[in-house]
Amino acid sequence: SELAVAPVALQGEESAVADLDVYPNPASTDNINVKIASVTDGTVHVKILDGMGRGVFVSSFDAQQVREGVHINAGQSWVNGIYFVVATNGQKTFNRKLIIKN
């Protein structure tokens, strides 16, 4: 049997979930792009977690960079599978599932 997982948004965060764009998806470890059109100022902290919740990538970017889109080259090959991109900007948290196929 298959387990279906649906994105869950907390009240007031529906737009935050929709605003995070991760492409291409599926992606390879050296070609991940992250864009959040709605961030206006401050710093955006980006974490990529593996399926076990372990951080495999952590970095911070200026909001303007993320609004235009940032390219992530993790510099190492991750195991193929499902990962989670979590970006925070102030009180907003953005989440998106990412599939890695190297």
N, C-alpha and C. Protein backbone atom coordinates (compact mmCIF):
# COMPACT_ATOMS: atom_id res chain seq x y z
N SER A 1 0.84 -1.19 0.00
CA SER A 1 0.00 0.00 0.00
C SER A 1 0.88 1.25 0.00
N GLU A 2 0.37 2.30 -0.60
CA GLU A 2 1.12 3.55 -0.67
C GLU A 2 0.64 4.52 0.39
N LEU A 3 1.56 5.29 0.89
CA LEU A 3 1.25 6.31 1.88
C LEU A 3 1.18 7.65 1.17
N ALA A 4 0.05 8.31 1.24
CA ALA A 4 -0.11 9.61 0.60
C ALA A 4 0.20 10.70 1.62
N VAL A 5 1.01 11.66 1.23
CA VAL A 5 1.37 12.76 2.11
C VAL A 5 0.92 14.05 1.45
N ALA A 6 0.12 14.81 2.16
CA ALA A 6 -0.36 16.09 1.63
C ALA A 6 0.29 17.22 2.41
N PRO A 7 0.60 18.35 1.73
CA PRO A 7 1.17 19.47 2.46
C PRO A 7 0.16 20.02 3.47
N VAL A 8 0.64 20.40 4.61
CA VAL A 8 -0.22 20.94 5.66
C VAL A 8 0.22 22.37 5.94
N ALA A 9 -0.73 23.28 5.89
CA ALA A 9 -0.43 24.68 6.17
C ALA A 9 -1.14 25.10 7.44
N LEU A 10 -0.42 25.75 8.32
CA LEU A 10 -1.04 26.28 9.52
C LEU A 10 -1.84 27.51 9.14
N GLN A 11 -2.83 27.84 9.95
CA GLN A 11 -3.66 29.00 9.65
C GLN A 11 -2.79 30.23 9.45
N GLY A 12 -3.04 30.96 8.38
CA GLY A 12 -2.27 32.16 8.09
C GLY A 12 -1.00 31.89 7.30
N GLU A 13 -0.67 30.63 7.05
CA GLU A 13 0.55 30.31 6.34
C GLU A 13 0.29 29.71 4.95
N GLU A 14 -0.98 29.72 4.50
CA GLU A 14 -1.29 29.11 3.22
C GLU A 14 -0.47 29.74 2.10
N SER A 15 -0.37 31.06 2.07
CA SER A 15 0.37 31.71 0.99
C SER A 15 1.86 31.41 1.11
N ALA A 16 2.35 31.26 2.33
CA ALA A 16 3.77 30.97 2.52
C ALA A 16 4.13 29.62 1.91
N VAL A 17 3.24 28.64 2.04
CA VAL A 17 3.50 27.33 1.46
C VAL A 17 3.54 27.44 -0.06
N ALA A 18 2.62 28.19 -0.64
CA ALA A 18 2.54 28.30 -2.09
C ALA A 18 3.65 29.15 -2.67
N ASP A 19 4.24 30.05 -1.90
CA ASP A 19 5.22 30.99 -2.41
C ASP A 19 6.59 30.39 -2.69
N LEU A 20 6.95 29.29 -2.06
CA LEU A 20 8.27 28.70 -2.23
C LEU A 20 8.30 27.86 -3.50
N ASP A 21 9.22 28.20 -4.39
CA ASP A 21 9.37 27.46 -5.64
C ASP A 21 10.74 26.79 -5.62
N VAL A 22 10.77 25.48 -5.78
CA VAL A 22 12.01 24.71 -5.84
C VAL A 22 12.01 23.99 -7.18
N TYR A 23 13.02 24.26 -7.98
CA TYR A 23 13.05 23.70 -9.33
C TYR A 23 14.49 23.43 -9.77
N PRO A 24 14.73 22.54 -10.73
CA PRO A 24 13.73 21.57 -11.20
C PRO A 24 13.41 20.58 -10.10
N ASN A 25 12.33 19.89 -10.24
CA ASN A 25 11.94 18.91 -9.24
C ASN A 25 11.29 17.75 -9.97
N PRO A 26 11.98 16.63 -10.10
CA PRO A 26 13.21 16.19 -9.45
C PRO A 26 14.44 16.98 -9.91
N ALA A 27 15.45 16.99 -9.03
CA ALA A 27 16.69 17.71 -9.29
C ALA A 27 17.88 16.82 -8.97
N SER A 28 19.05 17.25 -9.43
CA SER A 28 20.29 16.60 -9.00
C SER A 28 20.91 17.48 -7.92
N THR A 29 21.82 16.92 -7.15
CA THR A 29 22.40 17.62 -6.01
C THR A 29 23.08 18.94 -6.42
N ASP A 30 23.61 19.00 -7.64
CA ASP A 30 24.33 20.20 -8.06
C ASP A 30 23.46 21.19 -8.83
N ASN A 31 22.16 20.95 -8.88
CA ASN A 31 21.29 21.83 -9.64
C ASN A 31 19.95 22.02 -8.94
N ILE A 32 19.96 22.76 -7.84
CA ILE A 32 18.74 23.04 -7.09
C ILE A 32 18.56 24.56 -7.08
N ASN A 33 17.38 25.01 -7.43
CA ASN A 33 17.08 26.44 -7.43
C ASN A 33 15.94 26.70 -6.47
N VAL A 34 16.08 27.77 -5.68
CA VAL A 34 15.08 28.13 -4.69
C VAL A 34 14.67 29.58 -4.93
N LYS A 35 13.37 29.81 -4.97
CA LYS A 35 12.86 31.16 -5.21
C LYS A 35 11.62 31.39 -4.34
N ILE A 36 11.57 32.55 -3.68
CA ILE A 36 10.40 32.94 -2.91
C ILE A 36 10.05 34.36 -3.34
N ALA A 37 9.04 34.49 -4.16
CA ALA A 37 8.70 35.79 -4.74
C ALA A 37 8.19 36.80 -3.71
N SER A 38 7.67 36.33 -2.59
CA SER A 38 7.01 37.23 -1.65
C SER A 38 7.92 37.83 -0.58
N VAL A 39 9.19 37.39 -0.47
CA VAL A 39 10.04 37.96 0.57
C VAL A 39 10.48 39.36 0.16
N THR A 40 10.49 40.27 1.12
CA THR A 40 10.82 41.66 0.78
C THR A 40 12.10 42.16 1.41
N ASP A 41 12.41 41.72 2.62
CA ASP A 41 13.63 42.20 3.25
C ASP A 41 14.14 41.20 4.27
N GLY A 42 15.33 41.48 4.77
CA GLY A 42 15.92 40.62 5.78
C GLY A 42 16.70 39.48 5.17
N THR A 43 16.90 38.47 5.99
CA THR A 43 17.68 37.30 5.61
C THR A 43 16.77 36.10 5.51
N VAL A 44 17.03 35.25 4.53
CA VAL A 44 16.27 34.01 4.37
C VAL A 44 17.23 32.86 4.69
N HIS A 45 16.85 32.06 5.68
CA HIS A 45 17.64 30.90 6.08
C HIS A 45 17.05 29.68 5.37
N VAL A 46 17.90 28.98 4.63
CA VAL A 46 17.45 27.82 3.85
C VAL A 46 18.11 26.56 4.41
N LYS A 47 17.27 25.57 4.71
CA LYS A 47 17.76 24.26 5.15
C LYS A 47 17.16 23.21 4.22
N ILE A 48 17.97 22.22 3.89
CA ILE A 48 17.45 21.06 3.18
C ILE A 48 17.66 19.86 4.09
N LEU A 49 16.56 19.15 4.34
CA LEU A 49 16.58 18.00 5.24
C LEU A 49 16.37 16.73 4.46
N ASP A 50 17.06 15.67 4.87
CA ASP A 50 16.82 14.37 4.23
C ASP A 50 15.54 13.76 4.81
N GLY A 51 15.19 12.59 4.33
CA GLY A 51 13.96 11.94 4.76
C GLY A 51 13.90 11.61 6.24
N MET A 52 15.07 11.59 6.90
CA MET A 52 15.12 11.32 8.34
C MET A 52 15.13 12.61 9.16
N GLY A 53 15.04 13.76 8.48
CA GLY A 53 15.02 15.03 9.18
C GLY A 53 16.39 15.60 9.50
N ARG A 54 17.45 15.00 8.96
CA ARG A 54 18.81 15.48 9.19
C ARG A 54 19.13 16.59 8.19
N GLY A 55 19.74 17.65 8.67
CA GLY A 55 20.13 18.75 7.79
C GLY A 55 21.28 18.35 6.90
N VAL A 56 21.10 18.44 5.57
CA VAL A 56 22.17 18.12 4.64
C VAL A 56 22.71 19.38 3.96
N PHE A 57 21.98 20.50 4.10
CA PHE A 57 22.43 21.78 3.56
C PHE A 57 21.82 22.88 4.41
N VAL A 58 22.65 23.85 4.79
CA VAL A 58 22.18 25.01 5.55
C VAL A 58 22.93 26.23 5.03
N SER A 59 22.19 27.29 4.73
CA SER A 59 22.82 28.53 4.29
C SER A 59 21.84 29.68 4.47
N SER A 60 22.36 30.90 4.42
CA SER A 60 21.53 32.10 4.52
C SER A 60 21.77 32.96 3.30
N PHE A 61 20.71 33.61 2.86
CA PHE A 61 20.76 34.46 1.68
C PHE A 61 20.02 35.77 1.96
N ASP A 62 20.39 36.82 1.26
CA ASP A 62 19.67 38.08 1.32
C ASP A 62 18.31 37.88 0.66
N ALA A 63 17.27 38.54 1.18
CA ALA A 63 15.92 38.38 0.65
C ALA A 63 15.84 38.69 -0.84
N GLN A 64 16.56 39.71 -1.29
CA GLN A 64 16.52 40.06 -2.71
C GLN A 64 17.05 38.92 -3.58
N GLN A 65 18.11 38.25 -3.12
CA GLN A 65 18.65 37.10 -3.86
C GLN A 65 17.59 36.01 -3.99
N VAL A 66 16.90 35.70 -2.90
CA VAL A 66 15.92 34.63 -2.90
C VAL A 66 14.70 35.02 -3.73
N ARG A 67 14.34 36.28 -3.71
CA ARG A 67 13.21 36.75 -4.51
C ARG A 67 13.49 36.54 -6.00
N GLU A 68 14.75 36.73 -6.40
CA GLU A 68 15.14 36.54 -7.80
C GLU A 68 15.48 35.08 -8.10
N GLY A 69 15.79 34.30 -7.08
CA GLY A 69 16.12 32.89 -7.24
C GLY A 69 17.58 32.63 -6.97
N VAL A 70 17.88 31.65 -6.13
CA VAL A 70 19.26 31.28 -5.83
C VAL A 70 19.52 29.86 -6.31
N HIS A 71 20.73 29.64 -6.79
CA HIS A 71 21.16 28.32 -7.26
C HIS A 71 21.97 27.67 -6.14
N ILE A 72 21.62 26.43 -5.82
CA ILE A 72 22.34 25.69 -4.78
C ILE A 72 23.08 24.53 -5.43
N ASN A 73 24.37 24.50 -5.19
CA ASN A 73 25.20 23.37 -5.58
C ASN A 73 25.76 22.82 -4.28
N ALA A 74 25.21 21.72 -3.82
CA ALA A 74 25.57 21.18 -2.51
C ALA A 74 27.01 20.68 -2.46
N GLY A 75 27.63 20.48 -3.61
CA GLY A 75 29.03 20.08 -3.63
C GLY A 75 29.29 18.63 -3.26
N GLN A 76 28.24 17.90 -3.04
CA GLN A 76 28.38 16.48 -2.73
C GLN A 76 27.15 15.78 -3.26
N SER A 77 27.27 14.50 -3.46
CA SER A 77 26.15 13.74 -3.98
C SER A 77 25.33 13.18 -2.82
N TRP A 78 24.04 13.46 -2.84
CA TRP A 78 23.15 12.89 -1.83
C TRP A 78 22.53 11.63 -2.39
N VAL A 79 22.05 10.79 -1.53
CA VAL A 79 21.34 9.59 -1.93
C VAL A 79 20.04 10.01 -2.61
N ASN A 80 19.69 9.32 -3.68
CA ASN A 80 18.41 9.61 -4.34
C ASN A 80 17.27 9.42 -3.35
N GLY A 81 16.28 10.30 -3.40
CA GLY A 81 15.14 10.17 -2.51
C GLY A 81 14.43 11.49 -2.28
N ILE A 82 13.61 11.51 -1.26
CA ILE A 82 12.80 12.69 -0.94
C ILE A 82 13.51 13.52 0.13
N TYR A 83 13.57 14.81 -0.11
CA TYR A 83 14.16 15.79 0.80
C TYR A 83 13.13 16.89 1.04
N PHE A 84 13.39 17.71 2.02
CA PHE A 84 12.47 18.80 2.34
C PHE A 84 13.25 20.11 2.41
N VAL A 85 12.78 21.11 1.70
CA VAL A 85 13.38 22.44 1.73
C VAL A 85 12.57 23.27 2.71
N VAL A 86 13.25 23.84 3.70
CA VAL A 86 12.61 24.68 4.70
C VAL A 86 13.31 26.03 4.68
N ALA A 87 12.56 27.09 4.40
CA ALA A 87 13.12 28.44 4.36
C ALA A 87 12.38 29.31 5.36
N THR A 88 13.13 30.09 6.14
CA THR A 88 12.51 30.99 7.10
C THR A 88 12.95 32.42 6.82
N ASN A 89 12.00 33.34 6.96
CA ASN A 89 12.24 34.76 6.78
C ASN A 89 11.40 35.46 7.83
N GLY A 90 12.07 35.90 8.91
CA GLY A 90 11.31 36.49 10.01
C GLY A 90 10.41 35.44 10.64
N GLN A 91 9.12 35.75 10.71
CA GLN A 91 8.16 34.82 11.31
C GLN A 91 7.56 33.85 10.31
N LYS A 92 7.88 33.99 9.01
CA LYS A 92 7.31 33.12 7.99
C LYS A 92 8.21 31.92 7.74
N THR A 93 7.59 30.76 7.61
CA THR A 93 8.29 29.55 7.26
C THR A 93 7.70 28.99 5.98
N PHE A 94 8.57 28.61 5.07
CA PHE A 94 8.17 28.07 3.77
C PHE A 94 8.69 26.64 3.68
N ASN A 95 7.87 25.73 3.16
CA ASN A 95 8.25 24.32 3.07
C ASN A 95 7.92 23.78 1.69
N ARG A 96 8.79 22.91 1.18
CA ARG A 96 8.52 22.27 -0.10
C ARG A 96 9.27 20.94 -0.15
N LYS A 97 8.63 19.95 -0.73
CA LYS A 97 9.26 18.64 -0.91
C LYS A 97 10.12 18.69 -2.17
N LEU A 98 11.29 18.06 -2.12
CA LEU A 98 12.24 18.01 -3.23
C LEU A 98 12.65 16.57 -3.46
N ILE A 99 12.63 16.14 -4.69
CA ILE A 99 13.09 14.80 -5.04
C ILE A 99 14.46 14.92 -5.69
N ILE A 100 15.42 14.18 -5.16
CA ILE A 100 16.79 14.17 -5.71
C ILE A 100 16.97 12.90 -6.54
N LYS A 101 17.39 13.11 -7.78
CA LYS A 101 17.76 12.00 -8.68
C LYS A 101 19.10 12.37 -9.30
N ASN A 102 20.18 11.79 -8.80
CA ASN A 102 21.52 12.09 -9.34
C ASN A 102 21.82 11.23 -10.55
